[in-house]
Amino acid sequence: MTGEEFSFAMDRIFDSGAVDISFTNIQMKKNRPGVLLTVLGRQKDKKNIIKAILKHTTTIGIRMVEMERVEMERNIIKKSTKDGVIRVKKSKYENIVKEKIEFDDLCRIALENDSSIIAGNVE
């Protein structure tokens, strides 16, 4: 498959309900180059994802592994800053707490101030 074909397939697989998709360059049998397609999805979307993969890629088979997922509790809080209101994602699991500024808000502030998001300091 070409890069364009992989891109098209990725979009269709996302449309089918995939949560995340990645491509990994690998060596196949007889030392042929290949691409490993990894798709994460929910059980309820399994059939649609399988159909999209078989329809939009050259593969003739799919290997599947079921996994459990542990998620932190999440909520979005809004904070007022000198650069305006920002959204902060607050995540919690037992005594572990994380806070992270929403990326879109960092980008907006960087563009408005002709600065970089690398600094990442919003006050």
PDB file of N, CA and C in Angstrom:
ATOM      1  N   MET A   1       0.844  -1.179   0.000  1.00  0.00           N
ATOM      2  CA  MET A   1       0.000   0.000   0.000  1.00  0.00           C
ATOM      3  C   MET A   1       0.886   1.239   0.000  1.00  0.00           C
ATOM      4  N   THR A   2       0.421   2.282  -0.628  1.00  0.00           N
ATOM      5  CA  THR A   2       1.149   3.546  -0.646  1.00  0.00           C
ATOM      6  C   THR A   2       0.814   4.367   0.603  1.00  0.00           C
ATOM      7  N   GLY A   3       1.578   5.399   0.842  1.00  0.00           N
ATOM      8  CA  GLY A   3       1.295   6.304   1.951  1.00  0.00           C
ATOM      9  C   GLY A   3      -0.091   6.908   1.851  1.00  0.00           C
ATOM     10  N   GLU A   4      -0.494   7.260   0.636  1.00  0.00           N
ATOM     11  CA  GLU A   4      -1.832   7.823   0.433  1.00  0.00           C
ATOM     12  C   GLU A   4      -2.910   6.801   0.786  1.00  0.00           C
ATOM     13  N   GLU A   5      -2.687   5.545   0.394  1.00  0.00           N
ATOM     14  CA  GLU A   5      -3.661   4.488   0.690  1.00  0.00           C
ATOM     15  C   GLU A   5      -3.760   4.243   2.195  1.00  0.00           C
ATOM     16  N   PHE A   6      -2.610   4.271   2.886  1.00  0.00           N
ATOM     17  CA  PHE A   6      -2.642   4.129   4.349  1.00  0.00           C
ATOM     18  C   PHE A   6      -3.421   5.278   4.986  1.00  0.00           C
ATOM     19  N   SER A   7      -3.201   6.479   4.495  1.00  0.00           N
ATOM     20  CA  SER A   7      -3.896   7.645   5.033  1.00  0.00           C
ATOM     21  C   SER A   7      -5.408   7.516   4.840  1.00  0.00           C
ATOM     22  N   PHE A   8      -5.815   7.129   3.647  1.00  0.00           N
ATOM     23  CA  PHE A   8      -7.239   6.948   3.362  1.00  0.00           C
ATOM     24  C   PHE A   8      -7.828   5.861   4.259  1.00  0.00           C
ATOM     25  N   ALA A   9      -7.111   4.740   4.375  1.00  0.00           N
ATOM     26  CA  ALA A   9      -7.577   3.640   5.225  1.00  0.00           C
ATOM     27  C   ALA A   9      -7.712   4.096   6.678  1.00  0.00           C
ATOM     28  N   MET A  10      -6.739   4.848   7.153  1.00  0.00           N
ATOM     29  CA  MET A  10      -6.780   5.325   8.537  1.00  0.00           C
ATOM     30  C   MET A  10      -8.041   6.151   8.782  1.00  0.00           C
ATOM     31  N   ASP A  11      -8.350   7.048   7.873  1.00  0.00           N
ATOM     32  CA  ASP A  11      -9.546   7.877   8.033  1.00  0.00           C
ATOM     33  C   ASP A  11     -10.812   7.023   8.065  1.00  0.00           C
ATOM     34  N   ARG A  12     -10.887   6.019   7.188  1.00  0.00           N
ATOM     35  CA  ARG A  12     -12.074   5.160   7.143  1.00  0.00           C
ATOM     36  C   ARG A  12     -12.188   4.303   8.410  1.00  0.00           C
ATOM     37  N   ILE A  13     -11.048   3.840   8.918  1.00  0.00           N
ATOM     38  CA  ILE A  13     -11.068   3.018  10.132  1.00  0.00           C
ATOM     39  C   ILE A  13     -11.466   3.874  11.334  1.00  0.00           C
ATOM     40  N   PHE A  14     -10.981   5.105  11.395  1.00  0.00           N
ATOM     41  CA  PHE A  14     -11.455   6.024  12.448  1.00  0.00           C
ATOM     42  C   PHE A  14     -12.966   6.229  12.315  1.00  0.00           C
ATOM     43  N   ASP A  15     -13.446   6.414  11.085  1.00  0.00           N
ATOM     44  CA  ASP A  15     -14.884   6.595  10.858  1.00  0.00           C
ATOM     45  C   ASP A  15     -15.698   5.403  11.353  1.00  0.00           C
ATOM     46  N   SER A  16     -15.079   4.215  11.356  1.00  0.00           N
ATOM     47  CA  SER A  16     -15.794   3.001  11.762  1.00  0.00           C
ATOM     48  C   SER A  16     -15.891   2.856  13.276  1.00  0.00           C
ATOM     49  N   GLY A  17     -15.205   3.749  14.015  1.00  0.00           N
ATOM     50  CA  GLY A  17     -15.293   3.707  15.465  1.00  0.00           C
ATOM     51  C   GLY A  17     -13.985   3.495  16.188  1.00  0.00           C
ATOM     52  N   ALA A  18     -12.873   3.372  15.460  1.00  0.00           N
ATOM     53  CA  ALA A  18     -11.576   3.180  16.115  1.00  0.00           C
ATOM     54  C   ALA A  18     -11.264   4.351  17.041  1.00  0.00           C
ATOM     55  N   VAL A  19     -10.639   4.048  18.162  1.00  0.00           N
ATOM     56  CA  VAL A  19     -10.247   5.067  19.129  1.00  0.00           C
ATOM     57  C   VAL A  19      -8.847   5.582  18.816  1.00  0.00           C
ATOM     58  N   ASP A  20      -7.952   4.691  18.391  1.00  0.00           N
ATOM     59  CA  ASP A  20      -6.585   5.081  18.049  1.00  0.00           C
ATOM     60  C   ASP A  20      -6.046   4.109  17.013  1.00  0.00           C
ATOM     61  N   ILE A  21      -5.158   4.598  16.161  1.00  0.00           N
ATOM     62  CA  ILE A  21      -4.573   3.806  15.087  1.00  0.00           C
ATOM     63  C   ILE A  21      -3.102   4.166  14.967  1.00  0.00           C
ATOM     64  N   SER A  22      -2.266   3.143  14.744  1.00  0.00           N
ATOM     65  CA  SER A  22      -0.857   3.435  14.468  1.00  0.00           C
ATOM     66  C   SER A  22      -0.328   2.478  13.409  1.00  0.00           C
ATOM     67  N   PHE A  23       0.695   2.930  12.709  1.00  0.00           N
ATOM     68  CA  PHE A  23       1.388   2.119  11.715  1.00  0.00           C
ATOM     69  C   PHE A  23       2.829   1.960  12.183  1.00  0.00           C
ATOM     70  N   THR A  24       3.369   0.738  12.107  1.00  0.00           N
ATOM     71  CA  THR A  24       4.746   0.461  12.498  1.00  0.00           C
ATOM     72  C   THR A  24       5.436  -0.273  11.357  1.00  0.00           C
ATOM     73  N   ASN A  25       6.588   0.235  10.930  1.00  0.00           N
ATOM     74  CA  ASN A  25       7.368  -0.455   9.906  1.00  0.00           C
ATOM     75  C   ASN A  25       7.996  -1.703  10.517  1.00  0.00           C
ATOM     76  N   ILE A  26       7.804  -2.855   9.854  1.00  0.00           N
ATOM     77  CA  ILE A  26       8.339  -4.121  10.355  1.00  0.00           C
ATOM     78  C   ILE A  26       8.936  -4.924   9.206  1.00  0.00           C
ATOM     79  N   GLN A  27       9.674  -5.980   9.544  1.00  0.00           N
ATOM     80  CA  GLN A  27      10.177  -6.933   8.562  1.00  0.00           C
ATOM     81  C   GLN A  27       9.263  -8.150   8.599  1.00  0.00           C
ATOM     82  N   MET A  28       8.780  -8.547   7.447  1.00  0.00           N
ATOM     83  CA  MET A  28       7.890  -9.699   7.316  1.00  0.00           C
ATOM     84  C   MET A  28       8.707 -10.931   6.922  1.00  0.00           C
ATOM     85  N   LYS A  29       8.006 -12.046   6.645  1.00  0.00           N
ATOM     86  CA  LYS A  29       8.719 -13.254   6.224  1.00  0.00           C
ATOM     87  C   LYS A  29       9.480 -12.981   4.932  1.00  0.00           C
ATOM     88  N   LYS A  30      10.518 -13.741   4.722  1.00  0.00           N
ATOM     89  CA  LYS A  30      11.425 -13.589   3.578  1.00  0.00           C
ATOM     90  C   LYS A  30      12.068 -12.206   3.566  1.00  0.00           C
ATOM     91  N   ASN A  31      12.145 -11.598   4.763  1.00  0.00           N
ATOM     92  CA  ASN A  31      12.783 -10.288   4.964  1.00  0.00           C
ATOM     93  C   ASN A  31      12.130  -9.169   4.142  1.00  0.00           C
ATOM     94  N   ARG A  32      10.858  -9.299   3.874  1.00  0.00           N
ATOM     95  CA  ARG A  32      10.145  -8.264   3.123  1.00  0.00           C
ATOM     96  C   ARG A  32       9.707  -7.155   4.077  1.00  0.00           C
ATOM     97  N   PRO A  33       9.806  -5.899   3.629  1.00  0.00           N
ATOM     98  CA  PRO A  33       9.295  -4.815   4.481  1.00  0.00           C
ATOM     99  C   PRO A  33       7.778  -4.866   4.553  1.00  0.00           C
ATOM    100  N   GLY A  34       7.253  -4.527   5.697  1.00  0.00           N
ATOM    101  CA  GLY A  34       5.811  -4.512   5.869  1.00  0.00           C
ATOM    102  C   GLY A  34       5.399  -3.441   6.849  1.00  0.00           C
ATOM    103  N   VAL A  35       4.116  -3.300   7.022  1.00  0.00           N
ATOM    104  CA  VAL A  35       3.568  -2.322   7.953  1.00  0.00           C
ATOM    105  C   VAL A  35       2.594  -3.036   8.877  1.00  0.00           C
ATOM    106  N   LEU A  36       2.805  -2.869  10.175  1.00  0.00           N
ATOM    107  CA  LEU A  36       1.890  -3.412  11.176  1.00  0.00           C
ATOM    108  C   LEU A  36       0.865  -2.338  11.502  1.00  0.00           C
ATOM    109  N   LEU A  37      -0.399  -2.659  11.279  1.00  0.00           N
ATOM    110  CA  LEU A  37      -1.496  -1.757  11.597  1.00  0.00           C
ATOM    111  C   LEU A  37      -2.023  -2.149  12.968  1.00  0.00           C
ATOM    112  N   THR A  38      -2.019  -1.218  13.896  1.00  0.00           N
ATOM    113  CA  THR A  38      -2.566  -1.460  15.231  1.00  0.00           C
ATOM    114  C   THR A  38      -3.760  -0.544  15.421  1.00  0.00           C
ATOM    115  N   VAL A  39      -4.884  -1.142  15.805  1.00  0.00           N
ATOM    116  CA  VAL A  39      -6.122  -0.383  15.980  1.00  0.00           C
ATOM    117  C   VAL A  39      -6.677  -0.665  17.365  1.00  0.00           C
ATOM    118  N   LEU A  40      -6.968   0.386  18.104  1.00  0.00           N
ATOM    119  CA  LEU A  40      -7.652   0.250  19.387  1.00  0.00           C
ATOM    120  C   LEU A  40      -9.099   0.662  19.189  1.00  0.00           C
ATOM    121  N   GLY A  41      -9.989  -0.145  19.735  1.00  0.00           N
ATOM    122  CA  GLY A  41     -11.408   0.165  19.587  1.00  0.00           C
ATOM    123  C   GLY A  41     -12.215  -0.445  20.714  1.00  0.00           C
ATOM    124  N   ARG A  42     -13.461  -0.066  20.751  1.00  0.00           N
ATOM    125  CA  ARG A  42     -14.376  -0.592  21.764  1.00  0.00           C
ATOM    126  C   ARG A  42     -15.083  -1.833  21.223  1.00  0.00           C
ATOM    127  N   GLN A  43     -15.459  -2.705  22.125  1.00  0.00           N
ATOM    128  CA  GLN A  43     -16.137  -3.945  21.757  1.00  0.00           C
ATOM    129  C   GLN A  43     -17.357  -3.687  20.872  1.00  0.00           C
ATOM    130  N   LYS A  44     -18.107  -2.654  21.188  1.00  0.00           N
ATOM    131  CA  LYS A  44     -19.333  -2.363  20.434  1.00  0.00           C
ATOM    132  C   LYS A  44     -19.055  -1.991  18.972  1.00  0.00           C
ATOM    133  N   ASP A  45     -17.830  -1.562  18.660  1.00  0.00           N
ATOM    134  CA  ASP A  45     -17.474  -1.153  17.302  1.00  0.00           C
ATOM    135  C   ASP A  45     -16.667  -2.220  16.555  1.00  0.00           C
ATOM    136  N   LYS A  46     -16.450  -3.352  17.190  1.00  0.00           N
ATOM    137  CA  LYS A  46     -15.563  -4.390  16.654  1.00  0.00           C
ATOM    138  C   LYS A  46     -15.920  -4.788  15.221  1.00  0.00           C
ATOM    139  N   LYS A  47     -17.171  -5.113  14.955  1.00  0.00           N
ATOM    140  CA  LYS A  47     -17.569  -5.571  13.620  1.00  0.00           C
ATOM    141  C   LYS A  47     -17.331  -4.494  12.560  1.00  0.00           C
ATOM    142  N   ASN A  48     -17.693  -3.254  12.868  1.00  0.00           N
ATOM    143  CA  ASN A  48     -17.483  -2.162  11.909  1.00  0.00           C
ATOM    144  C   ASN A  48     -16.005  -1.922  11.639  1.00  0.00           C
ATOM    145  N   ILE A  49     -15.176  -2.030  12.680  1.00  0.00           N
ATOM    146  CA  ILE A  49     -13.732  -1.828  12.514  1.00  0.00           C
ATOM    147  C   ILE A  49     -13.149  -2.940  11.646  1.00  0.00           C
ATOM    148  N   ILE A  50     -13.528  -4.183  11.919  1.00  0.00           N
ATOM    149  CA  ILE A  50     -13.043  -5.311  11.111  1.00  0.00           C
ATOM    150  C   ILE A  50     -13.403  -5.105   9.645  1.00  0.00           C
ATOM    151  N   LYS A  51     -14.649  -4.733   9.381  1.00  0.00           N
ATOM    152  CA  LYS A  51     -15.085  -4.517   7.999  1.00  0.00           C
ATOM    153  C   LYS A  51     -14.276  -3.408   7.330  1.00  0.00           C
ATOM    154  N   ALA A  52     -14.006  -2.329   8.059  1.00  0.00           N
ATOM    155  CA  ALA A  52     -13.238  -1.214   7.487  1.00  0.00           C
ATOM    156  C   ALA A  52     -11.803  -1.641   7.172  1.00  0.00           C
ATOM    157  N   ILE A  53     -11.188  -2.397   8.072  1.00  0.00           N
ATOM    158  CA  ILE A  53      -9.818  -2.858   7.827  1.00  0.00           C
ATOM    159  C   ILE A  53      -9.765  -3.756   6.597  1.00  0.00           C
ATOM    160  N   LEU A  54     -10.672  -4.722   6.517  1.00  0.00           N
ATOM    161  CA  LEU A  54     -10.671  -5.655   5.387  1.00  0.00           C
ATOM    162  C   LEU A  54     -11.006  -4.952   4.072  1.00  0.00           C
ATOM    163  N   LYS A  55     -11.856  -3.947   4.137  1.00  0.00           N
ATOM    164  CA  LYS A  55     -12.257  -3.230   2.918  1.00  0.00           C
ATOM    165  C   LYS A  55     -11.177  -2.275   2.419  1.00  0.00           C
ATOM    166  N   HIS A  56     -10.497  -1.589   3.350  1.00  0.00           N
ATOM    167  CA  HIS A  56      -9.640  -0.475   2.942  1.00  0.00           C
ATOM    168  C   HIS A  56      -8.141  -0.761   3.030  1.00  0.00           C
ATOM    169  N   THR A  57      -7.775  -2.007   3.341  1.00  0.00           N
ATOM    170  CA  THR A  57      -6.353  -2.381   3.325  1.00  0.00           C
ATOM    171  C   THR A  57      -6.187  -3.636   2.484  1.00  0.00           C
ATOM    172  N   THR A  58      -4.955  -4.028   2.225  1.00  0.00           N
ATOM    173  CA  THR A  58      -4.687  -5.224   1.433  1.00  0.00           C
ATOM    174  C   THR A  58      -4.634  -6.490   2.288  1.00  0.00           C
ATOM    175  N   THR A  59      -4.842  -6.373   3.585  1.00  0.00           N
ATOM    176  CA  THR A  59      -4.768  -7.549   4.448  1.00  0.00           C
ATOM    177  C   THR A  59      -5.885  -8.549   4.141  1.00  0.00           C
ATOM    178  N   ILE A  60      -5.588  -9.817   4.421  1.00  0.00           N
ATOM    179  CA  ILE A  60      -6.607 -10.851   4.274  1.00  0.00           C
ATOM    180  C   ILE A  60      -6.878 -11.542   5.609  1.00  0.00           C
ATOM    181  N   GLY A  61      -6.315 -10.986   6.692  1.00  0.00           N
ATOM    182  CA  GLY A  61      -6.545 -11.551   8.011  1.00  0.00           C
ATOM    183  C   GLY A  61      -6.230 -10.549   9.101  1.00  0.00           C
ATOM    184  N   ILE A  62      -6.870 -10.744  10.237  1.00  0.00           N
ATOM    185  CA  ILE A  62      -6.704  -9.830  11.372  1.00  0.00           C
ATOM    186  C   ILE A  62      -6.485 -10.663  12.630  1.00  0.00           C
ATOM    187  N   ARG A  63      -5.483 -10.298  13.416  1.00  0.00           N
ATOM    188  CA  ARG A  63      -5.282 -10.902  14.728  1.00  0.00           C
ATOM    189  C   ARG A  63      -5.839  -9.938  15.768  1.00  0.00           C
ATOM    190  N   MET A  64      -6.578 -10.475  16.738  1.00  0.00           N
ATOM    191  CA  MET A  64      -7.205  -9.612  17.745  1.00  0.00           C
ATOM    192  C   MET A  64      -6.831 -10.060  19.148  1.00  0.00           C
ATOM    193  N   VAL A  65      -6.642  -9.090  20.007  1.00  0.00           N
ATOM    194  CA  VAL A  65      -6.366  -9.330  21.419  1.00  0.00           C
ATOM    195  C   VAL A  65      -7.317  -8.451  22.219  1.00  0.00           C
ATOM    196  N   GLU A  66      -8.032  -9.046  23.156  1.00  0.00           N
ATOM    197  CA  GLU A  66      -8.891  -8.248  24.036  1.00  0.00           C
ATOM    198  C   GLU A  66      -8.076  -7.799  25.237  1.00  0.00           C
ATOM    199  N   MET A  67      -8.291  -6.570  25.660  1.00  0.00           N
ATOM    200  CA  MET A  67      -7.559  -5.992  26.776  1.00  0.00           C
ATOM    201  C   MET A  67      -8.515  -5.329  27.744  1.00  0.00           C
ATOM    202  N   GLU A  68      -8.048  -5.176  28.964  1.00  0.00           N
ATOM    203  CA  GLU A  68      -8.781  -4.375  29.936  1.00  0.00           C
ATOM    204  C   GLU A  68      -8.174  -2.987  29.935  1.00  0.00           C
ATOM    205  N   ARG A  69      -8.971  -2.030  30.356  1.00  0.00           N
ATOM    206  CA  ARG A  69      -8.482  -0.660  30.421  1.00  0.00           C
ATOM    207  C   ARG A  69      -8.802  -0.077  31.788  1.00  0.00           C
ATOM    208  N   VAL A  70      -7.823   0.575  32.363  1.00  0.00           N
ATOM    209  CA  VAL A  70      -8.008   1.310  33.606  1.00  0.00           C
ATOM    210  C   VAL A  70      -7.932   2.788  33.250  1.00  0.00           C
ATOM    211  N   GLU A  71      -8.915   3.546  33.676  1.00  0.00           N
ATOM    212  CA  GLU A  71      -8.944   4.971  33.369  1.00  0.00           C
ATOM    213  C   GLU A  71      -8.961   5.783  34.650  1.00  0.00           C
ATOM    214  N   MET A  72      -8.283   6.905  34.589  1.00  0.00           N
ATOM    215  CA  MET A  72      -8.368   7.855  35.692  1.00  0.00           C
ATOM    216  C   MET A  72      -9.698   8.596  35.569  1.00  0.00           C
ATOM    217  N   GLU A  73     -10.287   8.963  36.712  1.00  0.00           N
ATOM    218  CA  GLU A  73     -11.463   9.842  36.673  1.00  0.00           C
ATOM    219  C   GLU A  73     -11.004  11.163  36.075  1.00  0.00           C
ATOM    220  N   ARG A  74     -11.830  11.740  35.191  1.00  0.00           N
ATOM    221  CA  ARG A  74     -11.427  12.979  34.535  1.00  0.00           C
ATOM    222  C   ARG A  74     -12.545  13.997  34.572  1.00  0.00           C
ATOM    223  N   ASN A  75     -12.150  15.245  34.709  1.00  0.00           N
ATOM    224  CA  ASN A  75     -13.106  16.330  34.518  1.00  0.00           C
ATOM    225  C   ASN A  75     -12.340  17.561  34.063  1.00  0.00           C
ATOM    226  N   ILE A  76     -13.071  18.454  33.451  1.00  0.00           N
ATOM    227  CA  ILE A  76     -12.484  19.691  32.932  1.00  0.00           C
ATOM    228  C   ILE A  76     -12.895  20.829  33.853  1.00  0.00           C
ATOM    229  N   ILE A  77     -11.891  21.578  34.302  1.00  0.00           N
ATOM    230  CA  ILE A  77     -12.190  22.772  35.090  1.00  0.00           C
ATOM    231  C   ILE A  77     -11.697  23.986  34.300  1.00  0.00           C
ATOM    232  N   LYS A  78     -12.358  25.101  34.498  1.00  0.00           N
ATOM    233  CA  LYS A  78     -11.958  26.329  33.812  1.00  0.00           C
ATOM    234  C   LYS A  78     -11.249  27.229  34.799  1.00  0.00           C
ATOM    235  N   LYS A  79     -10.126  27.811  34.347  1.00  0.00           N
ATOM    236  CA  LYS A  79      -9.353  28.718  35.194  1.00  0.00           C
ATOM    237  C   LYS A  79      -9.172  30.037  34.460  1.00  0.00           C
ATOM    238  N   SER A  80      -9.285  31.132  35.211  1.00  0.00           N
ATOM    239  CA  SER A  80      -9.018  32.449  34.646  1.00  0.00           C
ATOM    240  C   SER A  80      -7.529  32.728  34.774  1.00  0.00           C
ATOM    241  N   THR A  81      -6.946  33.215  33.682  1.00  0.00           N
ATOM    242  CA  THR A  81      -5.521  33.552  33.673  1.00  0.00           C
ATOM    243  C   THR A  81      -5.359  34.927  33.052  1.00  0.00           C
ATOM    244  N   LYS A  82      -4.142  35.432  33.073  1.00  0.00           N
ATOM    245  CA  LYS A  82      -3.872  36.720  32.430  1.00  0.00           C
ATOM    246  C   LYS A  82      -4.078  36.640  30.920  1.00  0.00           C
ATOM    247  N   ASP A  83      -4.069  35.430  30.385  1.00  0.00           N
ATOM    248  CA  ASP A  83      -4.275  35.218  28.952  1.00  0.00           C
ATOM    249  C   ASP A  83      -5.695  34.799  28.619  1.00  0.00           C
ATOM    250  N   GLY A  84      -6.595  34.874  29.598  1.00  0.00           N
ATOM    251  CA  GLY A  84      -7.985  34.479  29.371  1.00  0.00           C
ATOM    252  C   GLY A  84      -8.311  33.169  30.066  1.00  0.00           C
ATOM    253  N   VAL A  85      -9.500  32.686  29.810  1.00  0.00           N
ATOM    254  CA  VAL A  85      -9.959  31.446  30.436  1.00  0.00           C
ATOM    255  C   VAL A  85      -9.329  30.263  29.714  1.00  0.00           C
ATOM    256  N   ILE A  86      -8.803  29.327  30.499  1.00  0.00           N
ATOM    257  CA  ILE A  86      -8.253  28.093  29.940  1.00  0.00           C
ATOM    258  C   ILE A  86      -8.965  26.906  30.580  1.00  0.00           C
ATOM    259  N   ARG A  87      -8.998  25.831  29.835  1.00  0.00           N
ATOM    260  CA  ARG A  87      -9.555  24.581  30.359  1.00  0.00           C
ATOM    261  C   ARG A  87      -8.407  23.704  30.839  1.00  0.00           C
ATOM    262  N   VAL A  88      -8.588  23.121  32.008  1.00  0.00           N
ATOM    263  CA  VAL A  88      -7.581  22.244  32.589  1.00  0.00           C
ATOM    264  C   VAL A  88      -8.229  20.890  32.840  1.00  0.00           C
ATOM    265  N   LYS A  89      -7.598  19.838  32.295  1.00  0.00           N
ATOM    266  CA  LYS A  89      -8.104  18.497  32.531  1.00  0.00           C
ATOM    267  C   LYS A  89      -7.502  17.997  33.839  1.00  0.00           C
ATOM    268  N   LYS A  90      -8.372  17.660  34.782  1.00  0.00           N
ATOM    269  CA  LYS A  90      -7.928  17.149  36.074  1.00  0.00           C
ATOM    270  C   LYS A  90      -8.254  15.659  36.107  1.00  0.00           C
ATOM    271  N   SER A  91      -7.242  14.841  36.360  1.00  0.00           N
ATOM    272  CA  SER A  91      -7.402  13.394  36.386  1.00  0.00           C
ATOM    273  C   SER A  91      -7.017  12.860  37.755  1.00  0.00           C
ATOM    274  N   LYS A  92      -7.739  11.813  38.211  1.00  0.00           N
ATOM    275  CA  LYS A  92      -7.484  11.279  39.542  1.00  0.00           C
ATOM    276  C   LYS A  92      -7.660   9.772  39.546  1.00  0.00           C
ATOM    277  N   TYR A  93      -6.747   9.091  40.219  1.00  0.00           N
ATOM    278  CA  TYR A  93      -6.841   7.659  40.483  1.00  0.00           C
ATOM    279  C   TYR A  93      -6.253   7.427  41.867  1.00  0.00           C
ATOM    280  N   GLU A  94      -7.101   7.004  42.774  1.00  0.00           N
ATOM    281  CA  GLU A  94      -6.720   6.843  44.177  1.00  0.00           C
ATOM    282  C   GLU A  94      -6.045   8.131  44.655  1.00  0.00           C
ATOM    283  N   ASN A  95      -4.781   8.088  45.078  1.00  0.00           N
ATOM    284  CA  ASN A  95      -4.139   9.314  45.576  1.00  0.00           C
ATOM    285  C   ASN A  95      -3.273   9.996  44.506  1.00  0.00           C
ATOM    286  N   ILE A  96      -3.414   9.580  43.261  1.00  0.00           N
ATOM    287  CA  ILE A  96      -2.651  10.167  42.157  1.00  0.00           C
ATOM    288  C   ILE A  96      -3.531  11.208  41.476  1.00  0.00           C
ATOM    289  N   VAL A  97      -3.028  12.442  41.388  1.00  0.00           N
ATOM    290  CA  VAL A  97      -3.773  13.533  40.768  1.00  0.00           C
ATOM    291  C   VAL A  97      -2.890  14.204  39.726  1.00  0.00           C
ATOM    292  N   LYS A  98      -3.455  14.468  38.553  1.00  0.00           N
ATOM    293  CA  LYS A  98      -2.727  15.155  37.480  1.00  0.00           C
ATOM    294  C   LYS A  98      -3.592  16.281  36.950  1.00  0.00           C
ATOM    295  N   GLU A  99      -2.937  17.359  36.542  1.00  0.00           N
ATOM    296  CA  GLU A  99      -3.626  18.464  35.876  1.00  0.00           C
ATOM    297  C   GLU A  99      -2.856  18.819  34.622  1.00  0.00           C
ATOM    298  N   LYS A 100      -3.598  19.050  33.539  1.00  0.00           N
ATOM    299  CA  LYS A 100      -2.953  19.402  32.282  1.00  0.00           C
ATOM    300  C   LYS A 100      -3.825  20.397  31.538  1.00  0.00           C
ATOM    301  N   ILE A 101      -3.210  21.465  31.063  1.00  0.00           N
ATOM    302  CA  ILE A 101      -3.920  22.469  30.273  1.00  0.00           C
ATOM    303  C   ILE A 101      -4.303  21.842  28.937  1.00  0.00           C
ATOM    304  N   GLU A 102      -5.526  22.094  28.490  1.00  0.00           N
ATOM    305  CA  GLU A 102      -5.977  21.578  27.204  1.00  0.00           C
ATOM    306  C   GLU A 102      -5.099  22.139  26.091  1.00  0.00           C
ATOM    307  N   PHE A 103      -4.647  21.264  25.228  1.00  0.00           N
ATOM    308  CA  PHE A 103      -3.715  21.626  24.162  1.00  0.00           C
ATOM    309  C   PHE A 103      -4.260  22.732  23.263  1.00  0.00           C
ATOM    310  N   ASP A 104      -5.544  22.662  22.908  1.00  0.00           N
ATOM    311  CA  ASP A 104      -6.133  23.690  22.046  1.00  0.00           C
ATOM    312  C   ASP A 104      -6.033  25.078  22.682  1.00  0.00           C
ATOM    313  N   ASP A 105      -6.166  25.138  24.003  1.00  0.00           N
ATOM    314  CA  ASP A 105      -6.052  26.423  24.693  1.00  0.00           C
ATOM    315  C   ASP A 105      -4.606  26.926  24.675  1.00  0.00           C
ATOM    316  N   LEU A 106      -3.648  26.019  24.839  1.00  0.00           N
ATOM    317  CA  LEU A 106      -2.232  26.415  24.740  1.00  0.00           C
ATOM    318  C   LEU A 106      -1.939  26.975  23.349  1.00  0.00           C
ATOM    319  N   CYS A 107      -2.451  26.297  22.321  1.00  0.00           N
ATOM    320  CA  CYS A 107      -2.227  26.763  20.949  1.00  0.00           C
ATOM    321  C   CYS A 107      -2.834  28.143  20.726  1.00  0.00           C
ATOM    322  N   ARG A 108      -4.066  28.329  21.197  1.00  0.00           N
ATOM    323  CA  ARG A 108      -4.747  29.617  21.025  1.00  0.00           C
ATOM    324  C   ARG A 108      -3.941  30.736  21.675  1.00  0.00           C
ATOM    325  N   ILE A 109      -3.488  30.504  22.898  1.00  0.00           N
ATOM    326  CA  ILE A 109      -2.737  31.527  23.628  1.00  0.00           C
ATOM    327  C   ILE A 109      -1.406  31.806  22.928  1.00  0.00           C
ATOM    328  N   ALA A 110      -0.742  30.767  22.457  1.00  0.00           N
ATOM    329  CA  ALA A 110       0.535  30.954  21.759  1.00  0.00           C
ATOM    330  C   ALA A 110       0.334  31.776  20.491  1.00  0.00           C
ATOM    331  N   LEU A 111      -0.718  31.491  19.738  1.00  0.00           N
ATOM    332  CA  LEU A 111      -0.981  32.244  18.509  1.00  0.00           C
ATOM    333  C   LEU A 111      -1.344  33.698  18.809  1.00  0.00           C
ATOM    334  N   GLU A 112      -2.173  33.897  19.836  1.00  0.00           N
ATOM    335  CA  GLU A 112      -2.578  35.257  20.200  1.00  0.00           C
ATOM    336  C   GLU A 112      -1.391  36.095  20.673  1.00  0.00           C
ATOM    337  N   ASN A 113      -0.390  35.451  21.280  1.00  0.00           N
ATOM    338  CA  ASN A 113       0.747  36.176  21.852  1.00  0.00           C
ATOM    339  C   ASN A 113       2.029  36.022  21.048  1.00  0.00           C
ATOM    340  N   ASP A 114       1.915  35.437  19.861  1.00  0.00           N
ATOM    341  CA  ASP A 114       3.079  35.184  19.018  1.00  0.00           C
ATOM    342  C   ASP A 114       4.204  34.540  19.828  1.00  0.00           C
ATOM    343  N   SER A 115       3.839  33.497  20.578  1.00  0.00           N
ATOM    344  CA  SER A 115       4.823  32.796  21.402  1.00  0.00           C
ATOM    345  C   SER A 115       4.786  31.304  21.067  1.00  0.00           C
ATOM    346  N   SER A 116       5.549  30.539  21.807  1.00  0.00           N
ATOM    347  CA  SER A 116       5.630  29.102  21.576  1.00  0.00           C
ATOM    348  C   SER A 116       4.893  28.350  22.667  1.00  0.00           C
ATOM    349  N   ILE A 117       4.369  27.183  22.343  1.00  0.00           N
ATOM    350  CA  ILE A 117       3.743  26.356  23.372  1.00  0.00           C
ATOM    351  C   ILE A 117       4.799  25.590  24.149  1.00  0.00           C
ATOM    352  N   ILE A 118       6.035  25.595  23.693  1.00  0.00           N
ATOM    353  CA  ILE A 118       7.103  24.869  24.368  1.00  0.00           C
ATOM    354  C   ILE A 118       7.290  25.409  25.780  1.00  0.00           C
ATOM    355  N   ALA A 119       7.205  26.718  25.926  1.00  0.00           N
ATOM    356  CA  ALA A 119       7.320  27.303  27.265  1.00  0.00           C
ATOM    357  C   ALA A 119       6.216  26.757  28.161  1.00  0.00           C
ATOM    358  N   GLY A 120       4.999  26.653  27.612  1.00  0.00           N
ATOM    359  CA  GLY A 120       3.885  26.034  28.285  1.00  0.00           C
ATOM    360  C   GLY A 120       3.429  26.689  29.571  1.00  0.00           C
ATOM    361  N   ASN A 121       3.965  27.838  29.901  1.00  0.00           N
ATOM    362  CA  ASN A 121       3.580  28.498  31.148  1.00  0.00           C
ATOM    363  C   ASN A 121       2.443  29.475  30.896  1.00  0.00           C
ATOM    364  N   VAL A 122       1.308  29.150  31.455  1.00  0.00           N
ATOM    365  CA  VAL A 122       0.156  30.049  31.375  1.00  0.00           C
ATOM    366  C   VAL A 122      -0.165  30.451  32.791  1.00  0.00           C
ATOM    367  N   GLU A 123      -0.198  31.737  33.027  1.00  0.00           N
ATOM    368  CA  GLU A 123      -0.462  32.216  34.385  1.00  0.00           C
ATOM    369  C   GLU A 123      -1.712  33.064  34.437  1.00  0.00           C
TER     370      GLU A 123
END
